[in-house]
């Protein structure tokens, strides 16, 4: 390699402005490389989505009370407890 060819090559490289990264870009790149952190973020987003959309899918409001069912007893003949479709074998009151 000739002595004179190295300096013009360095000058051409140094003439191009170097674009730096902001701390946010650096943090985003480090976060994207961390697989556990990305998986945790996805899980948190799914939980948040379920909390936001879940109540809309329920047939009854969470704060409504069915006053007609308050005095009903478990019916073991049909295999349900308190008018829910829970098998009698899984009820804590079934003996």
C-alpha atoms as a PDB file:
ATOM      1  CA  UNK A   1       0.000   0.000   0.000  1.00  0.00           C
ATOM      2  CA  UNK A   2       1.303   3.395  -0.903  1.00  0.00           C
ATOM      3  CA  UNK A   3       1.794   6.094   1.666  1.00  0.00           C
ATOM      4  CA  UNK A   4      -0.243   8.700  -0.244  1.00  0.00           C
ATOM      5  CA  UNK A   5      -3.388   6.585  -0.726  1.00  0.00           C
ATOM      6  CA  UNK A   6      -4.241   6.170   2.965  1.00  0.00           C
ATOM      7  CA  UNK A   7      -4.738   9.852   3.754  1.00  0.00           C
ATOM      8  CA  UNK A   8      -7.280  10.570   0.965  1.00  0.00           C
ATOM      9  CA  UNK A   9      -9.236   7.448   1.967  1.00  0.00           C
ATOM     10  CA  UNK A  10      -9.411   8.644   5.575  1.00  0.00           C
ATOM     11  CA  UNK A  11     -10.369  12.143   4.490  1.00  0.00           C
ATOM     12  CA  UNK A  12     -13.277  10.793   2.448  1.00  0.00           C
ATOM     13  CA  UNK A  13     -14.513   8.738   5.410  1.00  0.00           C
ATOM     14  CA  UNK A  14     -14.176  11.669   7.797  1.00  0.00           C
ATOM     15  CA  UNK A  15     -15.980  13.987   5.376  1.00  0.00           C
ATOM     16  CA  UNK A  16     -19.224  12.016   5.765  1.00  0.00           C
ATOM     17  CA  UNK A  17     -21.089  13.264   8.846  1.00  0.00           C
ATOM     18  CA  UNK A  18     -21.724  10.599  11.452  1.00  0.00           C
ATOM     19  CA  UNK A  19     -25.292  10.451  12.702  1.00  0.00           C
ATOM     20  CA  UNK A  20     -25.441   9.596  16.392  1.00  0.00           C
ATOM     21  CA  UNK A  21     -28.159   7.759  18.270  1.00  0.00           C
ATOM     22  CA  UNK A  22     -30.326   9.349  20.879  1.00  0.00           C
ATOM     23  CA  UNK A  23     -30.659   7.673  24.285  1.00  0.00           C
ATOM     24  CA  UNK A  24     -34.222   6.636  23.353  1.00  0.00           C
ATOM     25  CA  UNK A  25     -33.032   4.948  20.155  1.00  0.00           C
ATOM     26  CA  UNK A  26     -30.305   3.175  22.080  1.00  0.00           C
ATOM     27  CA  UNK A  27     -32.748   2.031  24.776  1.00  0.00           C
ATOM     28  CA  UNK A  28     -35.265   0.853  22.150  1.00  0.00           C
ATOM     29  CA  UNK A  29     -32.593  -1.190  20.358  1.00  0.00           C
ATOM     30  CA  UNK A  30     -31.405  -2.751  23.638  1.00  0.00           C
ATOM     31  CA  UNK A  31     -35.004  -3.529  24.636  1.00  0.00           C
ATOM     32  CA  UNK A  32     -35.753  -5.142  21.251  1.00  0.00           C
ATOM     33  CA  UNK A  33     -32.738  -7.446  21.635  1.00  0.00           C
ATOM     34  CA  UNK A  34     -33.888  -8.617  25.091  1.00  0.00           C
ATOM     35  CA  UNK A  35     -36.287 -11.483  24.300  1.00  0.00           C
ATOM     36  CA  UNK A  36     -37.583 -11.820  27.860  1.00  0.00           C
ATOM     37  CA  UNK A  37     -38.450  -8.122  28.025  1.00  0.00           C
ATOM     38  CA  UNK A  38     -40.284  -8.231  24.692  1.00  0.00           C
ATOM     39  CA  UNK A  39     -42.210 -11.347  25.736  1.00  0.00           C
ATOM     40  CA  UNK A  40     -43.156  -9.670  29.028  1.00  0.00           C
ATOM     41  CA  UNK A  41     -44.361  -6.594  27.151  1.00  0.00           C
ATOM     42  CA  UNK A  42     -46.535  -8.757  24.898  1.00  0.00           C
ATOM     43  CA  UNK A  43     -48.025 -10.537  27.928  1.00  0.00           C
ATOM     44  CA  UNK A  44     -48.731  -7.204  29.645  1.00  0.00           C
ATOM     45  CA  UNK A  45     -50.415  -5.897  26.496  1.00  0.00           C
ATOM     46  CA  UNK A  46     -52.586  -9.029  26.279  1.00  0.00           C
ATOM     47  CA  UNK A  47     -53.612  -8.667  29.928  1.00  0.00           C
ATOM     48  CA  UNK A  48     -54.448  -4.998  29.378  1.00  0.00           C
ATOM     49  CA  UNK A  49     -56.462  -5.857  26.289  1.00  0.00           C
ATOM     50  CA  UNK A  50     -58.357  -8.585  28.171  1.00  0.00           C
ATOM     51  CA  UNK A  51     -59.143  -6.146  30.996  1.00  0.00           C
ATOM     52  CA  UNK A  52     -60.406  -3.553  28.535  1.00  0.00           C
ATOM     53  CA  UNK A  53     -62.462  -5.856  26.289  1.00  0.00           C
ATOM     54  CA  UNK A  54     -63.443  -8.589  28.754  1.00  0.00           C
ATOM     55  CA  UNK A  55     -66.244  -6.722  30.532  1.00  0.00           C
ATOM     56  CA  UNK A  56     -67.896  -5.992  27.174  1.00  0.00           C
ATOM     57  CA  UNK A  57     -68.115  -9.725  26.453  1.00  0.00           C
ATOM     58  CA  UNK A  58     -69.693 -10.720  29.776  1.00  0.00           C
ATOM     59  CA  UNK A  59     -73.456 -11.337  29.751  1.00  0.00           C
ATOM     60  CA  UNK A  60     -73.998  -9.528  33.079  1.00  0.00           C
ATOM     61  CA  UNK A  61     -72.495  -6.413  34.553  1.00  0.00           C
ATOM     62  CA  UNK A  62     -69.916  -7.023  37.252  1.00  0.00           C
ATOM     63  CA  UNK A  63     -71.772  -4.826  39.731  1.00  0.00           C
ATOM     64  CA  UNK A  64     -75.292  -6.122  39.118  1.00  0.00           C
ATOM     65  CA  UNK A  65     -76.930  -8.362  41.707  1.00  0.00           C
ATOM     66  CA  UNK A  66     -79.483 -11.014  40.814  1.00  0.00           C
ATOM     67  CA  UNK A  67     -81.804 -10.528  43.777  1.00  0.00           C
ATOM     68  CA  UNK A  68     -83.994 -13.460  42.717  1.00  0.00           C
ATOM     69  CA  UNK A  69     -81.116 -15.918  43.086  1.00  0.00           C
ATOM     70  CA  UNK A  70     -79.998 -14.636  46.496  1.00  0.00           C
ATOM     71  CA  UNK A  71     -82.336 -16.922  48.408  1.00  0.00           C
ATOM     72  CA  UNK A  72     -82.028 -19.976  46.156  1.00  0.00           C
ATOM     73  CA  UNK A  73     -80.306 -23.102  47.402  1.00  0.00           C
ATOM     74  CA  UNK A  74     -77.972 -25.377  45.485  1.00  0.00           C
ATOM     75  CA  UNK A  75     -79.800 -27.942  43.378  1.00  0.00           C
ATOM     76  CA  UNK A  76     -78.023 -31.265  43.438  1.00  0.00           C
ATOM     77  CA  UNK A  77     -80.682 -32.997  41.332  1.00  0.00           C
ATOM     78  CA  UNK A  78     -79.519 -31.225  38.196  1.00  0.00           C
ATOM     79  CA  UNK A  79     -75.858 -31.333  39.178  1.00  0.00           C
ATOM     80  CA  UNK A  80     -75.472 -27.591  39.484  1.00  0.00           C
ATOM     81  CA  UNK A  81     -74.729 -25.238  42.342  1.00  0.00           C
ATOM     82  CA  UNK A  82     -76.593 -21.939  42.649  1.00  0.00           C
ATOM     83  CA  UNK A  83     -78.010 -22.061  39.122  1.00  0.00           C
ATOM     84  CA  UNK A  84     -74.542 -22.119  37.571  1.00  0.00           C
ATOM     85  CA  UNK A  85     -73.366 -24.860  35.297  1.00  0.00           C
ATOM     86  CA  UNK A  86     -70.806 -26.272  37.723  1.00  0.00           C
ATOM     87  CA  UNK A  87     -70.919 -30.067  38.111  1.00  0.00           C
ATOM     88  CA  UNK A  88     -71.961 -31.181  41.597  1.00  0.00           C
ATOM     89  CA  UNK A  89     -68.750 -33.184  42.006  1.00  0.00           C
ATOM     90  CA  UNK A  90     -66.689 -29.977  41.801  1.00  0.00           C
ATOM     91  CA  UNK A  91     -68.870 -28.010  44.230  1.00  0.00           C
ATOM     92  CA  UNK A  92     -67.422 -27.503  47.655  1.00  0.00           C
ATOM     93  CA  UNK A  93     -70.887 -28.101  49.107  1.00  0.00           C
ATOM     94  CA  UNK A  94     -71.355 -31.526  47.436  1.00  0.00           C
ATOM     95  CA  UNK A  95     -70.870 -34.505  49.685  1.00  0.00           C
END
